[in-house]
Amino acid sequence: MKRMLSGIKPTGRLHLGNYIGAISQFKKYQEEYEMFIFIANEHAITVPIEAKDLRKNTKDLIALYLASGLDPEKVTIFLQSDVPAHAQLGWVMTCMAYMGELQRMTQYKDKTAKGESGVTAGLFTYPPLMAADILLYDADFVPVGVDQKQHVELTRNLAERFNHRYSDTFTIPQPLTSTVGQKIYSLQDPEKKMSKSATDPKGTIDLLDDPAAARKKIMSAKTDSLGVIRFDPENQPGLANLLTIQSVLSGEPVESIVQRYEGKGYGDLKKEIGQTVFDFLTDLQARYRDILDSGKADEVLKAGAQKAAAIANKKIRKVYKKIGFTV
């Protein structure tokens, strides 16, 4: 069975875009691949974050992953910081990377182009750590959105560079992008993706939002003045965004939804989508609360760290021997 790996930073509350773009895909992938999913808490401190917020975000994220249907019998879920080999290989990969490569990485380039102050060295050097996260486990595939493919390309370059210099050591990973729902956009500005850091809260539906409030956000979502229900992301991005949300949460193909609403207005469609979102969040949050109360998340993380460390430690020993650290 091919191996797949993904990580997510606990830097804010998970939103509907995270669920549709990533978690819903993981639920499918866990049946097809050997899945490793880690909470990237070491990446989270590249920007300032309070310890209590990081701790709460991490617990919420794990509970929401489990509540969303990820099966710990099929998926290895663990904390990045529980496996020291991530930081160890991260330093090695930093030494394999060139300054020019890191300067071209989108997040650092965007922040410096805007003249932002307080950009940390960690923000500059985190891509090699991300490469280490992937390479430790010989992942065959890494599910990413279009805006994350750059990181996998850097990972591939670093792995090939290491293999060429020290002999074959790492599997060269492939980025895997989904065709449906890979990016969900703001409900108020459908030109921008739904984001944890969005300034307009009406544009983002958090997975822990009050379900009734989430339904109101759907009802007030920006559409257009054309008044025709069709899936046209270029000319009707707001409507296409809503249709994608309904399709993924309900399991009904977009084409079928469009056919059902032929000749009807946006108001009727929004009512159905609002109710779908309301029901989805109500059920998800009930499972989330049960998981937090049961202590299951702690058990899953402990077991996941043990399995991940066994693989990662074997790889870092091999790397240390090849580069001459082992004497």
C-alpha atoms as a PDB file:
ATOM      1  CA  MET A   1       0.000   0.000   0.000  1.00  0.00           C
ATOM      2  CA  LYS A   2       1.340   3.430  -0.956  1.00  0.00           C
ATOM      3  CA  ARG A   3       2.021   5.864   1.866  1.00  0.00           C
ATOM      4  CA  MET A   4       0.512   9.353   2.156  1.00  0.00           C
ATOM      5  CA  LEU A   5       1.418  12.103   4.604  1.00  0.00           C
ATOM      6  CA  SER A   6      -0.124  15.447   5.482  1.00  0.00           C
ATOM      7  CA  GLY A   7       0.191  18.012   8.247  1.00  0.00           C
ATOM      8  CA  ILE A   8      -1.827  20.964   9.457  1.00  0.00           C
ATOM      9  CA  LYS A   9      -0.784  23.925  11.599  1.00  0.00           C
ATOM     10  CA  PRO A  10      -2.791  24.552  14.800  1.00  0.00           C
ATOM     11  CA  THR A  11      -2.664  28.324  14.337  1.00  0.00           C
ATOM     12  CA  GLY A  12      -6.391  28.993  14.407  1.00  0.00           C
ATOM     13  CA  ARG A  13      -9.821  27.431  14.367  1.00  0.00           C
ATOM     14  CA  LEU A  14     -10.564  24.984  11.591  1.00  0.00           C
ATOM     15  CA  HIS A  15     -13.127  26.202   9.090  1.00  0.00           C
ATOM     16  CA  LEU A  16     -15.345  24.712   6.424  1.00  0.00           C
ATOM     17  CA  GLY A  17     -12.671  25.246   3.789  1.00  0.00           C
ATOM     18  CA  ASN A  18     -10.272  23.068   5.809  1.00  0.00           C
ATOM     19  CA  TYR A  19     -12.879  20.341   6.046  1.00  0.00           C
ATOM     20  CA  ILE A  20     -13.819  20.345   2.363  1.00  0.00           C
ATOM     21  CA  GLY A  21     -10.342  20.949   0.999  1.00  0.00           C
ATOM     22  CA  ALA A  22      -8.462  18.541   3.248  1.00  0.00           C
ATOM     23  CA  ILE A  23     -10.305  16.513   5.875  1.00  0.00           C
ATOM     24  CA  SER A  24     -13.057  15.227   3.579  1.00  0.00           C
ATOM     25  CA  GLN A  25     -10.347  14.066   1.188  1.00  0.00           C
ATOM     26  CA  PHE A  26      -8.459  12.333   4.005  1.00  0.00           C
ATOM     27  CA  LYS A  27     -11.575  10.314   4.807  1.00  0.00           C
ATOM     28  CA  LYS A  28     -11.409   8.882   1.282  1.00  0.00           C
ATOM     29  CA  TYR A  29      -7.654   8.466   1.254  1.00  0.00           C
ATOM     30  CA  GLN A  30      -7.581   6.474   4.505  1.00  0.00           C
ATOM     31  CA  GLU A  31      -9.260   3.644   2.603  1.00  0.00           C
ATOM     32  CA  GLU A  32      -6.693   3.724  -0.197  1.00  0.00           C
ATOM     33  CA  TYR A  33      -3.364   4.630   1.412  1.00  0.00           C
ATOM     34  CA  GLU A  34      -1.293   4.125   4.536  1.00  0.00           C
ATOM     35  CA  MET A  35      -2.023   7.544   6.024  1.00  0.00           C
ATOM     36  CA  PHE A  36       0.146   9.620   8.366  1.00  0.00           C
ATOM     37  CA  ILE A  37      -1.296  12.930   9.584  1.00  0.00           C
ATOM     38  CA  PHE A  38       0.633  15.124  11.997  1.00  0.00           C
ATOM     39  CA  ILE A  39      -0.197  18.303  13.857  1.00  0.00           C
ATOM     40  CA  ALA A  40       2.515  20.748  12.747  1.00  0.00           C
ATOM     41  CA  ASN A  41       2.921  22.547  16.067  1.00  0.00           C
ATOM     42  CA  GLU A  42       6.604  23.287  15.416  1.00  0.00           C
ATOM     43  CA  HIS A  43       5.597  25.232  12.315  1.00  0.00           C
ATOM     44  CA  ALA A  44       3.013  27.131  14.365  1.00  0.00           C
ATOM     45  CA  ILE A  45       5.626  29.222  16.199  1.00  0.00           C
ATOM     46  CA  THR A  46       7.084  30.816  13.049  1.00  0.00           C
ATOM     47  CA  VAL A  47       4.664  33.614  13.944  1.00  0.00           C
ATOM     48  CA  PRO A  48       3.829  34.724  17.508  1.00  0.00           C
ATOM     49  CA  ILE A  49       1.166  32.643  19.247  1.00  0.00           C
ATOM     50  CA  GLU A  50       0.217  32.383  22.916  1.00  0.00           C
ATOM     51  CA  ALA A  51       0.946  29.020  24.550  1.00  0.00           C
ATOM     52  CA  LYS A  52      -2.634  28.658  25.781  1.00  0.00           C
ATOM     53  CA  ASP A  53      -3.985  29.325  22.296  1.00  0.00           C
ATOM     54  CA  LEU A  54      -1.605  26.835  20.693  1.00  0.00           C
ATOM     55  CA  ARG A  55      -2.562  24.209  23.276  1.00  0.00           C
ATOM     56  CA  LYS A  56      -6.310  24.739  22.789  1.00  0.00           C
ATOM     57  CA  ASN A  57      -6.063  24.873  18.999  1.00  0.00           C
ATOM     58  CA  THR A  58      -4.131  21.606  19.024  1.00  0.00           C
ATOM     59  CA  LYS A  59      -6.687  19.799  21.176  1.00  0.00           C
ATOM     60  CA  ASP A  60      -9.578  21.133  19.113  1.00  0.00           C
ATOM     61  CA  LEU A  61      -7.901  20.165  15.864  1.00  0.00           C
ATOM     62  CA  ILE A  62      -7.283  16.578  16.938  1.00  0.00           C
ATOM     63  CA  ALA A  63     -10.821  16.170  18.268  1.00  0.00           C
ATOM     64  CA  LEU A  64     -12.290  17.632  15.065  1.00  0.00           C
ATOM     65  CA  TYR A  65     -10.201  15.299  12.897  1.00  0.00           C
ATOM     66  CA  LEU A  66     -11.521  12.317  14.807  1.00  0.00           C
ATOM     67  CA  ALA A  67     -15.073  13.694  14.863  1.00  0.00           C
ATOM     68  CA  SER A  68     -14.894  14.168  11.087  1.00  0.00           C
ATOM     69  CA  GLY A  69     -14.391  10.467  10.527  1.00  0.00           C
ATOM     70  CA  LEU A  70     -10.659   9.838  10.538  1.00  0.00           C
ATOM     71  CA  ASP A  71     -10.150   6.346  11.929  1.00  0.00           C
ATOM     72  CA  PRO A  72      -7.072   5.920  14.181  1.00  0.00           C
ATOM     73  CA  GLU A  73      -7.037   2.257  13.167  1.00  0.00           C
ATOM     74  CA  LYS A  74      -6.349   3.392   9.595  1.00  0.00           C
ATOM     75  CA  VAL A  75      -4.591   6.743  10.104  1.00  0.00           C
ATOM     76  CA  THR A  76      -1.535   7.470  12.246  1.00  0.00           C
ATOM     77  CA  ILE A  77      -2.219  10.825  13.932  1.00  0.00           C
ATOM     78  CA  PHE A  78       0.522  12.443  16.020  1.00  0.00           C
ATOM     79  CA  LEU A  79       2.105  15.672  17.222  1.00  0.00           C
ATOM     80  CA  GLN A  80       5.168  16.837  15.299  1.00  0.00           C
ATOM     81  CA  SER A  81       6.914  17.835  18.524  1.00  0.00           C
ATOM     82  CA  ASP A  82       6.441  14.332  19.968  1.00  0.00           C
ATOM     83  CA  VAL A  83       8.869  13.010  17.337  1.00  0.00           C
ATOM     84  CA  PRO A  84      12.231  14.839  17.712  1.00  0.00           C
ATOM     85  CA  ALA A  85      13.480  13.414  14.412  1.00  0.00           C
ATOM     86  CA  HIS A  86      11.432  16.104  12.621  1.00  0.00           C
ATOM     87  CA  ALA A  87      13.608  18.886  14.049  1.00  0.00           C
ATOM     88  CA  GLN A  88      16.760  16.790  13.565  1.00  0.00           C
ATOM     89  CA  LEU A  89      16.164  16.162   9.889  1.00  0.00           C
ATOM     90  CA  GLY A  90      14.860  19.705   9.522  1.00  0.00           C
ATOM     91  CA  TRP A  91      18.341  21.042  10.308  1.00  0.00           C
ATOM     92  CA  VAL A  92      19.935  18.682   7.803  1.00  0.00           C
ATOM     93  CA  MET A  93      17.482  19.794   5.107  1.00  0.00           C
ATOM     94  CA  THR A  94      18.134  23.457   5.984  1.00  0.00           C
ATOM     95  CA  CYS A  95      21.798  22.807   5.267  1.00  0.00           C
ATOM     96  CA  MET A  96      20.854  21.211   1.941  1.00  0.00           C
ATOM     97  CA  ALA A  97      18.758  24.213   0.855  1.00  0.00           C
ATOM     98  CA  TYR A  98      20.055  27.311  -0.915  1.00  0.00           C
ATOM     99  CA  MET A  99      19.213  30.871   0.107  1.00  0.00           C
ATOM    100  CA  GLY A 100      17.763  31.636  -3.311  1.00  0.00           C
ATOM    101  CA  GLU A 101      15.337  28.717  -3.050  1.00  0.00           C
ATOM    102  CA  LEU A 102      14.025  29.870   0.308  1.00  0.00           C
ATOM    103  CA  GLN A 103      13.744  33.488  -0.825  1.00  0.00           C
ATOM    104  CA  ARG A 104      11.408  32.358  -3.597  1.00  0.00           C
ATOM    105  CA  MET A 105       9.033  30.555  -1.254  1.00  0.00           C
ATOM    106  CA  THR A 106       5.637  32.246  -1.399  1.00  0.00           C
ATOM    107  CA  GLN A 107       4.953  32.986   2.269  1.00  0.00           C
ATOM    108  CA  TYR A 108       8.316  34.611   2.934  1.00  0.00           C
ATOM    109  CA  LYS A 109       8.333  36.437  -0.406  1.00  0.00           C
ATOM    110  CA  ASP A 110       4.833  37.853   0.128  1.00  0.00           C
ATOM    111  CA  LYS A 111       5.554  39.121   3.626  1.00  0.00           C
ATOM    112  CA  THR A 112       8.840  40.775   2.686  1.00  0.00           C
ATOM    113  CA  ALA A 113       7.305  42.302  -0.451  1.00  0.00           C
ATOM    114  CA  LYS A 114       4.663  43.944   1.750  1.00  0.00           C
ATOM    115  CA  GLY A 115       7.413  45.327   3.972  1.00  0.00           C
ATOM    116  CA  GLU A 116       6.119  43.534   7.069  1.00  0.00           C
ATOM    117  CA  SER A 117       8.294  43.918  10.154  1.00  0.00           C
ATOM    118  CA  GLY A 118       9.138  41.152  12.575  1.00  0.00           C
ATOM    119  CA  VAL A 119       9.504  38.418   9.959  1.00  0.00           C
ATOM    120  CA  THR A 120      11.310  35.626  11.807  1.00  0.00           C
ATOM    121  CA  ALA A 121      14.183  33.455  10.646  1.00  0.00           C
ATOM    122  CA  GLY A 122      11.856  30.527  11.330  1.00  0.00           C
ATOM    123  CA  LEU A 123       9.449  31.778   8.685  1.00  0.00           C
ATOM    124  CA  PHE A 124      12.363  31.870   6.253  1.00  0.00           C
ATOM    125  CA  THR A 125      13.675  28.385   7.081  1.00  0.00           C
ATOM    126  CA  TYR A 126      10.456  26.450   7.759  1.00  0.00           C
ATOM    127  CA  PRO A 127      10.224  24.952   4.209  1.00  0.00           C
ATOM    128  CA  PRO A 128      13.203  22.621   4.846  1.00  0.00           C
ATOM    129  CA  LEU A 129      11.489  21.475   8.056  1.00  0.00           C
ATOM    130  CA  MET A 130       8.385  20.798   6.008  1.00  0.00           C
ATOM    131  CA  ALA A 131      10.538  18.775   3.628  1.00  0.00           C
ATOM    132  CA  ALA A 132      11.868  16.804   6.593  1.00  0.00           C
ATOM    133  CA  ASP A 133       8.309  16.125   7.774  1.00  0.00           C
ATOM    134  CA  ILE A 134       7.608  14.415   4.463  1.00  0.00           C
ATOM    135  CA  LEU A 135      10.935  12.680   3.841  1.00  0.00           C
ATOM    136  CA  LEU A 136      11.148  11.036   7.282  1.00  0.00           C
ATOM    137  CA  TYR A 137       8.299   8.701   6.344  1.00  0.00           C
ATOM    138  CA  ASP A 138       9.165   7.946   2.704  1.00  0.00           C
ATOM    139  CA  ALA A 139       5.778   9.319   1.703  1.00  0.00           C
ATOM    140  CA  ASP A 140       4.768   8.472  -1.848  1.00  0.00           C
ATOM    141  CA  PHE A 141       2.082  11.173  -1.992  1.00  0.00           C
ATOM    142  CA  VAL A 142       1.380  14.484  -0.280  1.00  0.00           C
ATOM    143  CA  PRO A 143      -2.159  15.908  -0.724  1.00  0.00           C
ATOM    144  CA  VAL A 144      -1.889  19.633  -1.306  1.00  0.00           C
ATOM    145  CA  GLY A 145      -3.821  22.567  -2.652  1.00  0.00           C
ATOM    146  CA  VAL A 146      -2.529  24.383  -5.692  1.00  0.00           C
ATOM    147  CA  ASP A 147      -0.856  27.031  -3.520  1.00  0.00           C
ATOM    148  CA  GLN A 148       1.111  24.371  -1.604  1.00  0.00           C
ATOM    149  CA  LYS A 149       2.639  22.512  -4.552  1.00  0.00           C
ATOM    150  CA  GLN A 150       5.695  24.744  -4.294  1.00  0.00           C
ATOM    151  CA  HIS A 151       6.599  23.142  -0.958  1.00  0.00           C
ATOM    152  CA  VAL A 152       6.444  19.637  -2.389  1.00  0.00           C
ATOM    153  CA  GLU A 153       8.612  20.719  -5.316  1.00  0.00           C
ATOM    154  CA  LEU A 154      11.234  22.013  -2.878  1.00  0.00           C
ATOM    155  CA  THR A 155      10.993  18.745  -0.946  1.00  0.00           C
ATOM    156  CA  ARG A 156      11.604  16.792  -4.139  1.00  0.00           C
ATOM    157  CA  ASN A 157      14.620  18.962  -4.977  1.00  0.00           C
ATOM    158  CA  LEU A 158      16.149  18.548  -1.529  1.00  0.00           C
ATOM    159  CA  ALA A 159      15.583  14.794  -1.539  1.00  0.00           C
ATOM    160  CA  GLU A 160      17.170  14.414  -4.969  1.00  0.00           C
ATOM    161  CA  ARG A 161      20.105  16.608  -3.895  1.00  0.00           C
ATOM    162  CA  PHE A 162      20.670  14.511  -0.771  1.00  0.00           C
ATOM    163  CA  ASN A 163      20.329  11.238  -2.681  1.00  0.00           C
ATOM    164  CA  HIS A 164      22.826  12.432  -5.284  1.00  0.00           C
ATOM    165  CA  ARG A 165      25.333  13.559  -2.665  1.00  0.00           C
ATOM    166  CA  TYR A 166      25.051  10.667  -0.199  1.00  0.00           C
ATOM    167  CA  SER A 167      23.382   7.813  -2.187  1.00  0.00           C
ATOM    168  CA  ASP A 168      19.691   6.843  -2.313  1.00  0.00           C
ATOM    169  CA  THR A 169      18.073   7.596   1.020  1.00  0.00           C
ATOM    170  CA  PHE A 170      14.688   9.258   0.459  1.00  0.00           C
ATOM    171  CA  THR A 171      11.594   8.443  -1.565  1.00  0.00           C
ATOM    172  CA  ILE A 172      10.775  11.282  -3.969  1.00  0.00           C
ATOM    173  CA  PRO A 173       7.188  12.333  -3.095  1.00  0.00           C
ATOM    174  CA  GLN A 174       4.459  13.297  -5.543  1.00  0.00           C
ATOM    175  CA  PRO A 175       1.973  16.135  -4.886  1.00  0.00           C
ATOM    176  CA  LEU A 176      -1.632  14.968  -5.089  1.00  0.00           C
ATOM    177  CA  THR A 177      -4.319  17.547  -5.803  1.00  0.00           C
ATOM    178  CA  SER A 178      -8.041  16.902  -5.650  1.00  0.00           C
ATOM    179  CA  THR A 179     -10.399  17.916  -8.450  1.00  0.00           C
ATOM    180  CA  VAL A 180     -13.470  18.837  -6.385  1.00  0.00           C
ATOM    181  CA  GLY A 181     -13.578  21.189  -3.432  1.00  0.00           C
ATOM    182  CA  GLN A 182      -9.840  21.664  -3.153  1.00  0.00           C
ATOM    183  CA  LYS A 183     -10.324  25.354  -2.396  1.00  0.00           C
ATOM    184  CA  ILE A 184     -13.343  26.990  -0.750  1.00  0.00           C
ATOM    185  CA  TYR A 185     -13.650  30.749  -1.020  1.00  0.00           C
ATOM    186  CA  SER A 186     -14.837  33.480   1.310  1.00  0.00           C
ATOM    187  CA  LEU A 187     -18.610  33.801   1.434  1.00  0.00           C
ATOM    188  CA  GLN A 188     -18.244  37.586   1.221  1.00  0.00           C
ATOM    189  CA  ASP A 189     -15.330  37.830  -1.212  1.00  0.00           C
ATOM    190  CA  PRO A 190     -15.356  34.786  -3.508  1.00  0.00           C
ATOM    191  CA  GLU A 191     -12.124  35.935  -5.137  1.00  0.00           C
ATOM    192  CA  LYS A 192     -10.245  35.043  -1.939  1.00  0.00           C
ATOM    193  CA  LYS A 193     -10.070  31.645  -0.278  1.00  0.00           C
ATOM    194  CA  MET A 194     -11.783  31.027   3.056  1.00  0.00           C
ATOM    195  CA  SER A 195      -9.170  31.737   5.686  1.00  0.00           C
ATOM    196  CA  LYS A 196      -8.513  31.505   9.413  1.00  0.00           C
ATOM    197  CA  SER A 197      -7.090  35.031   9.330  1.00  0.00           C
ATOM    198  CA  ALA A 198      -9.856  36.700   7.301  1.00  0.00           C
ATOM    199  CA  THR A 199     -10.851  40.126   8.604  1.00  0.00           C
ATOM    200  CA  ASP A 200     -14.560  39.657   7.791  1.00  0.00           C
ATOM    201  CA  PRO A 201     -15.990  36.882  10.021  1.00  0.00           C
ATOM    202  CA  LYS A 202     -19.077  36.635   7.785  1.00  0.00           C
ATOM    203  CA  GLY A 203     -16.911  35.160   5.046  1.00  0.00           C
ATOM    204  CA  THR A 204     -15.682  32.173   7.044  1.00  0.00           C
ATOM    205  CA  ILE A 205     -17.603  29.339   8.694  1.00  0.00           C
ATOM    206  CA  ASP A 206     -15.633  27.855  11.587  1.00  0.00           C
ATOM    207  CA  LEU A 207     -16.297  24.199  12.352  1.00  0.00           C
ATOM    208  CA  LEU A 208     -17.073  25.274  15.924  1.00  0.00           C
ATOM    209  CA  ASP A 209     -19.398  28.118  14.893  1.00  0.00           C
ATOM    210  CA  ASP A 210     -22.907  28.099  16.286  1.00  0.00           C
ATOM    211  CA  PRO A 211     -24.829  26.163  13.585  1.00  0.00           C
ATOM    212  CA  ALA A 212     -27.588  28.783  13.446  1.00  0.00           C
ATOM    213  CA  ALA A 213     -25.011  31.548  12.939  1.00  0.00           C
ATOM    214  CA  ALA A 214     -23.376  29.500  10.174  1.00  0.00           C
ATOM    215  CA  ARG A 215     -26.734  29.154   8.443  1.00  0.00           C
ATOM    216  CA  LYS A 216     -27.127  32.951   8.503  1.00  0.00           C
ATOM    217  CA  LYS A 217     -23.690  33.332   6.904  1.00  0.00           C
ATOM    218  CA  ILE A 218     -24.822  31.117   4.027  1.00  0.00           C
ATOM    219  CA  MET A 219     -27.996  33.157   3.585  1.00  0.00           C
ATOM    220  CA  SER A 220     -25.982  36.389   3.377  1.00  0.00           C
ATOM    221  CA  ALA A 221     -23.298  34.936   1.069  1.00  0.00           C
ATOM    222  CA  LYS A 222     -22.375  37.092  -1.920  1.00  0.00           C
ATOM    223  CA  THR A 223     -23.597  35.778  -5.273  1.00  0.00           C
ATOM    224  CA  ASP A 224     -24.330  37.921  -8.369  1.00  0.00           C
ATOM    225  CA  SER A 225     -27.103  39.708 -10.244  1.00  0.00           C
ATOM    226  CA  LEU A 226     -27.456  37.172 -13.085  1.00  0.00           C
ATOM    227  CA  GLY A 227     -30.157  35.179 -11.300  1.00  0.00           C
ATOM    228  CA  VAL A 228     -29.360  31.918 -13.132  1.00  0.00           C
ATOM    229  CA  ILE A 229     -28.209  28.829 -11.210  1.00  0.00           C
ATOM    230  CA  ARG A 230     -25.297  27.230 -13.031  1.00  0.00           C
ATOM    231  CA  PHE A 231     -21.767  26.170 -12.129  1.00  0.00           C
ATOM    232  CA  ASP A 232     -19.566  28.883 -13.627  1.00  0.00           C
ATOM    233  CA  PRO A 233     -16.582  29.640 -11.331  1.00  0.00           C
ATOM    234  CA  GLU A 234     -15.230  32.326 -13.655  1.00  0.00           C
ATOM    235  CA  ASN A 235     -18.374  34.410 -14.095  1.00  0.00           C
ATOM    236  CA  GLN A 236     -20.335  33.366 -10.980  1.00  0.00           C
ATOM    237  CA  PRO A 237     -17.643  32.561  -8.376  1.00  0.00           C
ATOM    238  CA  GLY A 238     -19.883  33.116  -5.347  1.00  0.00           C
ATOM    239  CA  LEU A 239     -22.568  30.770  -6.636  1.00  0.00           C
ATOM    240  CA  ALA A 240     -19.994  28.167  -7.697  1.00  0.00           C
ATOM    241  CA  ASN A 241     -18.541  28.296  -4.186  1.00  0.00           C
ATOM    242  CA  LEU A 242     -21.955  27.601  -2.621  1.00  0.00           C
ATOM    243  CA  LEU A 243     -22.642  24.757  -5.052  1.00  0.00           C
ATOM    244  CA  THR A 244     -19.300  23.179  -4.178  1.00  0.00           C
ATOM    245  CA  ILE A 245     -20.075  23.371  -0.451  1.00  0.00           C
ATOM    246  CA  GLN A 246     -23.465  21.729  -0.966  1.00  0.00           C
ATOM    247  CA  SER A 247     -22.036  19.042  -3.221  1.00  0.00           C
ATOM    248  CA  VAL A 248     -19.253  17.987  -0.843  1.00  0.00           C
ATOM    249  CA  LEU A 249     -21.375  18.048   2.325  1.00  0.00           C
ATOM    250  CA  SER A 250     -24.380  16.290   0.764  1.00  0.00           C
ATOM    251  CA  GLY A 251     -22.562  13.931  -1.588  1.00  0.00           C
ATOM    252  CA  GLU A 252     -24.757  15.052  -4.505  1.00  0.00           C
ATOM    253  CA  PRO A 253     -22.952  15.948  -7.751  1.00  0.00           C
ATOM    254  CA  VAL A 254     -22.964  19.633  -8.674  1.00  0.00           C
ATOM    255  CA  GLU A 255     -24.661  18.835 -11.995  1.00  0.00           C
ATOM    256  CA  SER A 256     -27.574  17.217 -10.170  1.00  0.00           C
ATOM    257  CA  ILE A 257     -28.014  20.205  -7.854  1.00  0.00           C
ATOM    258  CA  VAL A 258     -28.014  22.603 -10.810  1.00  0.00           C
ATOM    259  CA  GLN A 259     -30.653  20.511 -12.594  1.00  0.00           C
ATOM    260  CA  ARG A 260     -32.918  20.481  -9.519  1.00  0.00           C
ATOM    261  CA  TYR A 261     -32.786  24.254  -9.292  1.00  0.00           C
ATOM    262  CA  GLU A 262     -33.427  25.022 -12.931  1.00  0.00           C
ATOM    263  CA  GLY A 263     -35.753  28.013 -13.060  1.00  0.00           C
ATOM    264  CA  LYS A 264     -35.504  28.665  -9.309  1.00  0.00           C
ATOM    265  CA  GLY A 265     -33.878  31.521  -7.434  1.00  0.00           C
ATOM    266  CA  TYR A 266     -30.793  31.886  -5.263  1.00  0.00           C
ATOM    267  CA  GLY A 267     -32.889  32.211  -2.101  1.00  0.00           C
ATOM    268  CA  ASP A 268     -34.225  28.661  -2.338  1.00  0.00           C
ATOM    269  CA  LEU A 269     -30.767  27.288  -2.998  1.00  0.00           C
ATOM    270  CA  LYS A 270     -29.270  29.166  -0.052  1.00  0.00           C
ATOM    271  CA  LYS A 271     -31.977  27.807   2.261  1.00  0.00           C
ATOM    272  CA  GLU A 272     -31.059  24.230   1.334  1.00  0.00           C
ATOM    273  CA  ILE A 273     -27.333  24.849   1.675  1.00  0.00           C
ATOM    274  CA  GLY A 274     -27.850  26.673   4.968  1.00  0.00           C
ATOM    275  CA  GLN A 275     -29.772  23.696   6.362  1.00  0.00           C
ATOM    276  CA  THR A 276     -27.106  21.278   5.084  1.00  0.00           C
ATOM    277  CA  VAL A 277     -24.400  23.278   6.855  1.00  0.00           C
ATOM    278  CA  PHE A 278     -26.527  23.550  10.020  1.00  0.00           C
ATOM    279  CA  ASP A 279     -27.059  19.766  10.170  1.00  0.00           C
ATOM    280  CA  PHE A 280     -23.420  19.032   9.367  1.00  0.00           C
ATOM    281  CA  LEU A 281     -22.075  21.287  12.126  1.00  0.00           C
ATOM    282  CA  THR A 282     -24.620  20.081  14.679  1.00  0.00           C
ATOM    283  CA  ASP A 283     -23.610  16.445  14.183  1.00  0.00           C
ATOM    284  CA  LEU A 284     -19.878  17.213  13.981  1.00  0.00           C
ATOM    285  CA  GLN A 285     -19.847  19.273  17.174  1.00  0.00           C
ATOM    286  CA  ALA A 286     -21.723  16.605  19.129  1.00  0.00           C
ATOM    287  CA  ARG A 287     -19.041  14.057  18.201  1.00  0.00           C
ATOM    288  CA  TYR A 288     -16.295  16.604  18.944  1.00  0.00           C
ATOM    289  CA  ARG A 289     -17.591  17.169  22.486  1.00  0.00           C
ATOM    290  CA  ASP A 290     -17.851  13.429  23.130  1.00  0.00           C
ATOM    291  CA  ILE A 291     -14.240  12.921  22.018  1.00  0.00           C
ATOM    292  CA  LEU A 292     -12.907  15.715  24.244  1.00  0.00           C
ATOM    293  CA  ASP A 293     -14.842  14.395  27.251  1.00  0.00           C
ATOM    294  CA  SER A 294     -13.688  10.807  26.707  1.00  0.00           C
ATOM    295  CA  GLY A 295      -9.939  11.517  26.579  1.00  0.00           C
ATOM    296  CA  LYS A 296      -9.704   9.573  23.326  1.00  0.00           C
ATOM    297  CA  ALA A 297      -7.563  12.261  21.681  1.00  0.00           C
ATOM    298  CA  ASP A 298      -4.733  11.715  24.199  1.00  0.00           C
ATOM    299  CA  GLU A 299      -4.775   7.972  23.570  1.00  0.00           C
ATOM    300  CA  VAL A 300      -4.672   8.464  19.811  1.00  0.00           C
ATOM    301  CA  LEU A 301      -1.729  10.873  20.030  1.00  0.00           C
ATOM    302  CA  LYS A 302       0.280   8.575  22.289  1.00  0.00           C
ATOM    303  CA  ALA A 303      -0.188   5.575  20.010  1.00  0.00           C
ATOM    304  CA  GLY A 304       0.448   7.698  16.912  1.00  0.00           C
ATOM    305  CA  ALA A 305       3.709   9.133  18.292  1.00  0.00           C
ATOM    306  CA  GLN A 306       5.010   5.640  19.082  1.00  0.00           C
ATOM    307  CA  LYS A 307       4.331   4.382  15.572  1.00  0.00           C
ATOM    308  CA  ALA A 308       5.658   7.517  13.884  1.00  0.00           C
ATOM    309  CA  ALA A 309       8.805   7.625  16.024  1.00  0.00           C
ATOM    310  CA  ALA A 310       9.683   4.027  15.179  1.00  0.00           C
ATOM    311  CA  ILE A 311       9.767   4.922  11.481  1.00  0.00           C
ATOM    312  CA  ALA A 312      11.300   8.385  11.862  1.00  0.00           C
ATOM    313  CA  ASN A 313      14.086   7.273  14.208  1.00  0.00           C
ATOM    314  CA  LYS A 314      15.157   4.557  11.806  1.00  0.00           C
ATOM    315  CA  LYS A 315      15.377   7.112   9.008  1.00  0.00           C
ATOM    316  CA  ILE A 316      17.311   9.704  11.025  1.00  0.00           C
ATOM    317  CA  ARG A 317      19.840   7.057  12.115  1.00  0.00           C
ATOM    318  CA  LYS A 318      20.389   6.219   8.453  1.00  0.00           C
ATOM    319  CA  VAL A 319      20.801   9.899   7.559  1.00  0.00           C
ATOM    320  CA  TYR A 320      23.198  10.572  10.436  1.00  0.00           C
ATOM    321  CA  LYS A 321      25.366   7.660   9.390  1.00  0.00           C
ATOM    322  CA  LYS A 322      25.520   8.793   5.771  1.00  0.00           C
ATOM    323  CA  ILE A 323      26.474  12.405   6.523  1.00  0.00           C
ATOM    324  CA  GLY A 324      29.086  11.407   9.106  1.00  0.00           C
ATOM    325  CA  PHE A 325      27.400  12.308  12.370  1.00  0.00           C
ATOM    326  CA  THR A 326      27.695   8.729  13.618  1.00  0.00           C
ATOM    327  CA  VAL A 327      31.248   8.000  14.744  1.00  0.00           C
END
